Protein backbone atom coordinates (compact mmCIF):
# COMPACT_ATOMS: atom_id res chain seq x y z
CA UNK A 1 -21.50 -37.76 23.53
CA UNK A 2 -21.95 -34.69 25.76
CA UNK A 3 -24.64 -32.35 25.52
CA UNK A 4 -25.31 -30.32 23.43
CA UNK A 5 -23.04 -32.21 20.74
CA UNK A 6 -20.01 -31.11 22.16
CA UNK A 7 -17.59 -34.25 22.32
CA UNK A 8 -15.85 -35.96 25.48
CA UNK A 9 -12.38 -36.29 25.80
CA UNK A 10 -12.64 -39.47 24.58
CA UNK A 11 -13.97 -39.18 21.49
CA UNK A 12 -12.80 -35.83 20.88
CA UNK A 13 -11.04 -34.46 17.36
CA UNK A 14 -8.53 -31.96 17.62
CA UNK A 15 -9.91 -29.97 14.88
CA UNK A 16 -13.28 -28.45 14.75
CA UNK A 17 -14.03 -28.79 18.87
CA UNK A 18 -15.57 -25.05 18.88
CA UNK A 19 -17.31 -25.62 15.70
CA UNK A 20 -19.37 -28.34 17.63
CA UNK A 21 -19.48 -26.61 20.54
CA UNK A 22 -20.37 -22.87 19.14
CA UNK A 23 -22.85 -22.90 16.21
CA UNK A 24 -22.41 -19.36 15.73
CA UNK A 25 -18.40 -19.52 15.48
CA UNK A 26 -20.01 -22.02 12.46
CA UNK A 27 -22.13 -19.82 11.05
CA UNK A 28 -19.72 -16.36 11.60
CA UNK A 29 -16.90 -18.68 9.52
CA UNK A 30 -19.09 -19.93 6.46
CA UNK A 31 -20.72 -16.30 6.39
CA UNK A 32 -17.96 -13.88 6.96
CA UNK A 33 -14.44 -15.89 6.92
CA UNK A 34 -14.96 -18.12 4.24
CA UNK A 35 -15.92 -16.15 1.73
CA UNK A 36 -13.50 -13.43 3.15
CA UNK A 37 -10.73 -15.98 2.57
CA UNK A 38 -12.66 -16.86 -0.91
CA UNK A 39 -12.15 -13.00 -1.68
CA UNK A 40 -8.41 -12.30 -0.54
CA UNK A 41 -7.74 -15.93 -3.03
CA UNK A 42 -9.65 -14.56 -5.62
CA UNK A 43 -7.35 -15.94 -8.39
CA UNK A 44 -4.77 -14.93 -6.79
CA UNK A 45 -1.37 -16.16 -6.30
CA UNK A 46 0.76 -15.58 -3.00
CA UNK A 47 2.90 -13.53 -4.67
CA UNK A 48 0.56 -10.79 -6.15
CA UNK A 49 -1.27 -11.20 -2.65
CA UNK A 50 1.96 -10.17 -0.97
CA UNK A 51 2.18 -7.13 -3.71
CA UNK A 52 -0.71 -6.45 -2.88
CA UNK A 53 -0.75 -5.73 0.83
CA UNK A 54 2.69 -4.22 0.36
CA UNK A 55 1.71 -1.55 -2.23
CA UNK A 56 -1.18 -0.97 -0.38
CA UNK A 57 1.08 -0.08 2.83
CA UNK A 58 3.01 1.81 0.77
CA UNK A 59 0.48 3.72 -0.78
CA UNK A 60 -1.34 4.35 2.08
CA UNK A 61 1.78 5.86 3.60
CA UNK A 62 2.14 8.96 0.88
CA UNK A 63 1.76 12.24 3.09
CA UNK A 64 -0.92 13.58 0.72
CA UNK A 65 -3.80 13.17 2.94
CA UNK A 66 -7.10 12.10 0.62
CA UNK A 67 -5.32 10.51 -2.43
CA UNK A 68 -4.13 6.84 -0.88
CA UNK A 69 -7.49 5.63 -1.53
CA UNK A 70 -7.03 6.62 -5.54
CA UNK A 71 -3.59 5.66 -5.62
CA UNK A 72 -4.63 2.33 -4.30
CA UNK A 73 -7.44 1.36 -7.06
CA UNK A 74 -5.65 2.64 -9.91
CA UNK A 75 -2.54 0.81 -8.93
CA UNK A 76 -4.49 -2.66 -8.58
CA UNK A 77 -6.52 -1.81 -11.59
CA UNK A 78 -2.99 -1.33 -13.18
CA UNK A 79 -0.99 -3.74 -11.94
CA UNK A 80 -3.96 -6.56 -11.57
CA UNK A 81 -3.77 -7.10 -7.46
CA UNK A 82 -6.03 -7.51 -5.46
CA UNK A 83 -8.74 -4.98 -4.54
CA UNK A 84 -9.69 -5.53 -1.09
CA UNK A 85 -6.39 -6.42 0.17
CA UNK A 86 -4.38 -3.48 -1.00
CA UNK A 87 -7.11 -1.35 0.25
CA UNK A 88 -7.10 -3.14 3.62
CA UNK A 89 -3.70 -2.79 3.44
CA UNK A 90 -3.80 0.78 2.43
CA UNK A 91 -6.66 1.28 5.79
CA UNK A 92 -4.60 -0.24 7.81
CA UNK A 93 -1.73 2.43 7.01
CA UNK A 94 -3.30 4.85 8.03
CA UNK A 95 -1.01 5.48 11.50
CA UNK A 96 1.73 5.03 9.00
CA UNK A 97 0.90 8.00 6.97
CA UNK A 98 0.33 9.84 10.68
CA UNK A 99 3.96 8.98 11.96
CA UNK A 100 5.96 9.32 8.74
CA UNK A 101 4.31 12.63 7.59
CA UNK A 102 6.64 14.91 9.21
CA UNK A 103 10.07 13.02 9.05
CA UNK A 104 8.40 13.16 5.36
CA UNK A 105 8.09 16.71 5.37
CA UNK A 106 11.38 17.44 7.25
CA UNK A 107 13.21 15.01 4.42
CA UNK A 108 11.56 17.27 2.05
CA UNK A 109 13.20 20.84 3.27
CA UNK A 110 16.75 19.35 3.39
CA UNK A 111 16.57 17.55 0.20
CA UNK A 112 14.83 21.02 -1.52
CA UNK A 113 16.13 23.57 0.69
CA UNK A 114 13.64 24.47 1.61
CA UNK A 115 13.44 27.28 5.14
CA UNK A 116 12.56 24.84 8.03
CA UNK A 117 8.17 25.05 8.20
CA UNK A 118 7.44 25.78 11.76
CA UNK A 119 4.65 23.24 12.25
CA UNK A 120 2.71 23.85 15.31
CA UNK A 121 -1.08 23.78 16.49
CA UNK A 122 -0.43 27.89 16.45
CA UNK A 123 0.87 27.64 13.40
CA UNK A 124 -1.90 25.55 11.34
CA UNK A 125 -4.05 27.55 13.11
CA UNK A 126 -2.98 30.34 12.05
CA UNK A 127 -2.85 29.44 8.22
CA UNK A 128 -6.48 27.64 8.38
CA UNK A 129 -7.82 31.37 10.22
CA UNK A 130 -5.91 33.01 7.03
CA UNK A 131 -7.62 31.32 4.76
CA UNK A 132 -8.40 27.60 2.91
CA UNK A 133 -6.58 28.81 -0.26
CA UNK A 134 -3.51 30.52 2.14
CA UNK A 135 -3.01 27.24 3.47
CA UNK A 136 -3.07 25.55 0.85
CA UNK A 137 -0.65 27.44 -1.42
CA UNK A 138 1.87 27.32 2.11
CA UNK A 139 1.53 23.83 3.13
CA UNK A 140 0.94 22.69 -0.73
CA UNK A 141 4.92 23.28 -1.46
CA UNK A 142 5.74 21.32 1.29
CA UNK A 143 3.56 18.43 0.88
CA UNK A 144 4.40 18.20 -2.58
CA UNK A 145 8.48 17.87 -1.13
CA UNK A 146 7.52 15.49 1.16
CA UNK A 147 5.91 13.29 -1.80
CA UNK A 148 8.99 13.61 -3.45
CA UNK A 149 11.07 12.13 -0.62
CA UNK A 150 7.70 9.72 -0.06
CA UNK A 151 8.21 8.47 -3.88
CA UNK A 152 12.04 8.12 -3.06
CA UNK A 153 12.32 6.24 -0.20
CA UNK A 154 9.18 4.18 -0.26
CA UNK A 155 9.70 1.45 -3.38
CA UNK A 156 12.44 -0.59 -1.14
CA UNK A 157 11.08 -1.69 1.61
CA UNK A 158 7.58 -2.09 -0.02
CA UNK A 159 9.60 -4.20 -2.32
CA UNK A 160 11.59 -5.76 1.17
CA UNK A 161 8.19 -6.33 2.76
CA UNK A 162 6.57 -8.38 -0.77
CA UNK A 163 9.38 -10.73 -0.64
CA UNK A 164 9.06 -11.26 2.80
CA UNK A 165 5.10 -11.74 3.12
CA UNK A 166 5.51 -14.32 -0.08
CA UNK A 167 6.86 -17.68 2.10
CA UNK A 168 4.49 -16.46 4.36
CA UNK A 169 1.44 -16.54 2.02
CA UNK A 170 2.09 -19.68 0.27
CA UNK A 171 1.97 -20.92 4.04
CA UNK A 172 -1.30 -19.59 5.01
CA UNK A 173 -2.70 -19.83 1.79
CA UNK A 174 -2.21 -23.75 1.05
CA UNK A 175 -5.65 -25.58 1.27
CA UNK A 176 -7.03 -26.43 4.41
CA UNK A 177 -7.22 -30.15 4.81
CA UNK A 178 -10.70 -31.64 4.56
CA UNK A 179 -12.84 -32.51 7.54
CA UNK A 180 -14.30 -35.88 6.03
């Protein structure tokens, strides 16, 4: 054996080399990684975890800011989904929410035959200067219409994502071989 307990090439095992050489990695694995995996695996099948992640991403892309987390908690409770997984996916979907808000608003305008709302920084500043209640009044209809479009569009990609994640998670969540 080499110094610090690191294996030499002739007695090196394929697994455990990093753990033997870097005690901090062993600590992080025991204190962070394994508890996190335990939380994610907590009484859940790969299918349940796939649906948790897919629902978190779907709900995280809703065009109503400030509602996604509450919707995720409610969906997790109603459908017995994994809370940490759905919330993690929800938070990771935040850039998707920002990216999709304008297309959802534009599709909502077309679906409901509403006039094109000029969404520019100058327009939004003017609306906010007119008062918060006026801003809510002007933007509420657009956001409501965008939410209807979201409700019509999101279920299919959510199902496809859940079905696609299931075989991946089946392989990933198999019990790791014991080191003994």
